[in-house]
C-alpha atoms as a PDB file:
ATOM      1  CA  MET A   1      -1.093 -10.229  21.112  1.00  0.00           C
ATOM      2  CA  HIS A   2       0.364  -7.415  19.053  1.00  0.00           C
ATOM      3  CA  ILE A   3       3.976  -8.517  19.171  1.00  0.00           C
ATOM      4  CA  LYS A   4       4.750  -7.269  15.680  1.00  0.00           C
ATOM      5  CA  GLU A   5       3.367  -3.759  16.376  1.00  0.00           C
ATOM      6  CA  ASN A   6       5.176  -3.569  19.726  1.00  0.00           C
ATOM      7  CA  LEU A   7       8.473  -4.595  18.137  1.00  0.00           C
ATOM      8  CA  ILE A   8       8.106  -2.079  15.305  1.00  0.00           C
ATOM      9  CA  ASN A   9       7.270   0.712  17.775  1.00  0.00           C
ATOM     10  CA  PHE A  10      10.283  -0.252  19.900  1.00  0.00           C
ATOM     11  CA  LEU A  11      12.704  -0.333  16.963  1.00  0.00           C
ATOM     12  CA  TYR A  12      11.405   2.725  15.121  1.00  0.00           C
ATOM     13  CA  ASP A  13      10.669   5.651  17.388  1.00  0.00           C
ATOM     14  CA  LYS A  14       7.991   7.572  15.563  1.00  0.00           C
ATOM     15  CA  ASN A  15       9.491  10.958  16.467  1.00  0.00           C
ATOM     16  CA  TYR A  16      12.833  10.433  14.724  1.00  0.00           C
ATOM     17  CA  PHE A  17      15.933   8.314  14.545  1.00  0.00           C
ATOM     18  CA  ILE A  18      19.507   9.015  13.496  1.00  0.00           C
ATOM     19  CA  ASN A  19      22.062   6.403  12.454  1.00  0.00           C
ATOM     20  CA  ILE A  20      25.706   7.403  12.001  1.00  0.00           C
ATOM     21  CA  TYR A  21      28.094   5.171  10.065  1.00  0.00           C
ATOM     22  CA  ASP A  22      31.692   5.701   8.888  1.00  0.00           C
ATOM     23  CA  GLU A  23      30.805   7.829   5.848  1.00  0.00           C
ATOM     24  CA  TYR A  24      27.023   8.076   6.111  1.00  0.00           C
ATOM     25  CA  ILE A  25      24.364   9.595   8.318  1.00  0.00           C
ATOM     26  CA  HIS A  26      20.753   8.419   7.996  1.00  0.00           C
ATOM     27  CA  ILE A  27      17.995  10.579   9.493  1.00  0.00           C
ATOM     28  CA  PHE A  28      14.336   9.585   9.671  1.00  0.00           C
ATOM     29  CA  ASN A  29      11.496  12.071  10.239  1.00  0.00           C
ATOM     30  CA  TYR A  30      13.288  15.319   9.499  1.00  0.00           C
ATOM     31  CA  ARG A  31      11.023  18.302   8.765  1.00  0.00           C
ATOM     32  CA  GLU A  32      13.015  20.526   6.407  1.00  0.00           C
ATOM     33  CA  LEU A  33      16.366  20.861   4.657  1.00  0.00           C
ATOM     34  CA  ILE A  34      17.507  24.340   5.716  1.00  0.00           C
ATOM     35  CA  SER A  35      20.999  24.556   4.226  1.00  0.00           C
ATOM     36  CA  LEU A  36      23.085  22.423   1.879  1.00  0.00           C
ATOM     37  CA  SER A  37      26.742  22.745   0.951  1.00  0.00           C
ATOM     38  CA  SER A  38      29.654  20.345   0.582  1.00  0.00           C
ATOM     39  CA  LYS A  39      30.888  21.369   4.054  1.00  0.00           C
ATOM     40  CA  LYS A  40      27.680  21.840   6.067  1.00  0.00           C
ATOM     41  CA  ILE A  41      24.116  20.541   6.007  1.00  0.00           C
ATOM     42  CA  ILE A  42      21.431  21.832   8.367  1.00  0.00           C
ATOM     43  CA  LEU A  43      18.190  19.934   8.936  1.00  0.00           C
ATOM     44  CA  LYS A  44      15.179  21.044  10.938  1.00  0.00           C
ATOM     45  CA  MET A  45      13.621  18.422  13.149  1.00  0.00           C
ATOM     46  CA  GLU A  46      10.414  18.809  15.138  1.00  0.00           C
ATOM     47  CA  SER A  47      11.973  20.586  18.125  1.00  0.00           C
ATOM     48  CA  PHE A  48      15.640  21.146  17.204  1.00  0.00           C
ATOM     49  CA  LYS A  49      18.110  21.506  14.333  1.00  0.00           C
ATOM     50  CA  ILE A  50      20.890  19.143  13.271  1.00  0.00           C
ATOM     51  CA  ASN A  51      24.118  20.680  11.944  1.00  0.00           C
ATOM     52  CA  ILE A  52      26.278  18.195  10.032  1.00  0.00           C
ATOM     53  CA  ASN A  53      29.830  19.425   9.378  1.00  0.00           C
ATOM     54  CA  GLY A  54      32.443  17.738   7.223  1.00  0.00           C
ATOM     55  CA  THR A  55      33.872  17.640   3.717  1.00  0.00           C
ATOM     56  CA  ASP A  56      32.515  16.292   0.433  1.00  0.00           C
ATOM     57  CA  LEU A  57      29.001  16.065   1.895  1.00  0.00           C
ATOM     58  CA  PHE A  58      26.184  15.187  -0.485  1.00  0.00           C
ATOM     59  CA  ILE A  59      22.722  13.668  -0.349  1.00  0.00           C
ATOM     60  CA  THR A  60      22.469  10.139  -1.709  1.00  0.00           C
ATOM     61  CA  LYS A  61      18.806   9.531  -0.833  1.00  0.00           C
ATOM     62  CA  MET A  62      16.068  12.028  -0.071  1.00  0.00           C
ATOM     63  CA  LEU A  63      12.438  11.205   0.621  1.00  0.00           C
ATOM     64  CA  PRO A  64       9.759  13.432   2.193  1.00  0.00           C
ATOM     65  CA  ASN A  65      10.736  12.311   5.724  1.00  0.00           C
ATOM     66  CA  GLU A  66      14.008  10.446   5.275  1.00  0.00           C
ATOM     67  CA  ILE A  67      17.482  11.518   4.173  1.00  0.00           C
ATOM     68  CA  LEU A  68      20.827   9.744   3.673  1.00  0.00           C
ATOM     69  CA  ILE A  69      23.957  11.899   3.580  1.00  0.00           C
ATOM     70  CA  LYS A  70      27.410  10.690   2.528  1.00  0.00           C
ATOM     71  CA  GLY A  71      30.795  12.318   3.032  1.00  0.00           C
ATOM     72  CA  ASN A  72      33.579  12.819   5.521  1.00  0.00           C
ATOM     73  CA  ILE A  73      31.494  13.613   8.586  1.00  0.00           C
ATOM     74  CA  VAL A  74      33.534  15.525  11.160  1.00  0.00           C
ATOM     75  CA  LYS A  75      30.910  16.790  13.594  1.00  0.00           C
ATOM     76  CA  VAL A  76      27.180  16.455  14.267  1.00  0.00           C
ATOM     77  CA  GLU A  77      25.634  19.150  16.478  1.00  0.00           C
ATOM     78  CA  PHE A  78      22.145  19.565  17.870  1.00  0.00           C
ATOM     79  CA  SER A  79      20.806  23.065  18.499  1.00  0.00           C
ATOM     80  CA  TYR A  80      17.631  23.807  20.410  1.00  0.00           C
ATOM     81  CA  GLU A  81      16.246  27.205  19.443  1.00  0.00           C
END
């Protein structure tokens, strides 16, 4: 049986995942960083964009498909264009 593979596929959706904490947002499988400022960060995903609004926003970890943003997160919006 492939229990390990099934569990990994269940826990980590290969399309993307987003975790929001008190002062952090962790996004896996983003495509592109479109805009970056201390008040707004825009990320392109496969089929939509994520707009992160707040204050004192900055990137604490950035890998080719994973990003961790810290700051006072006020609003997270999804736009389908």
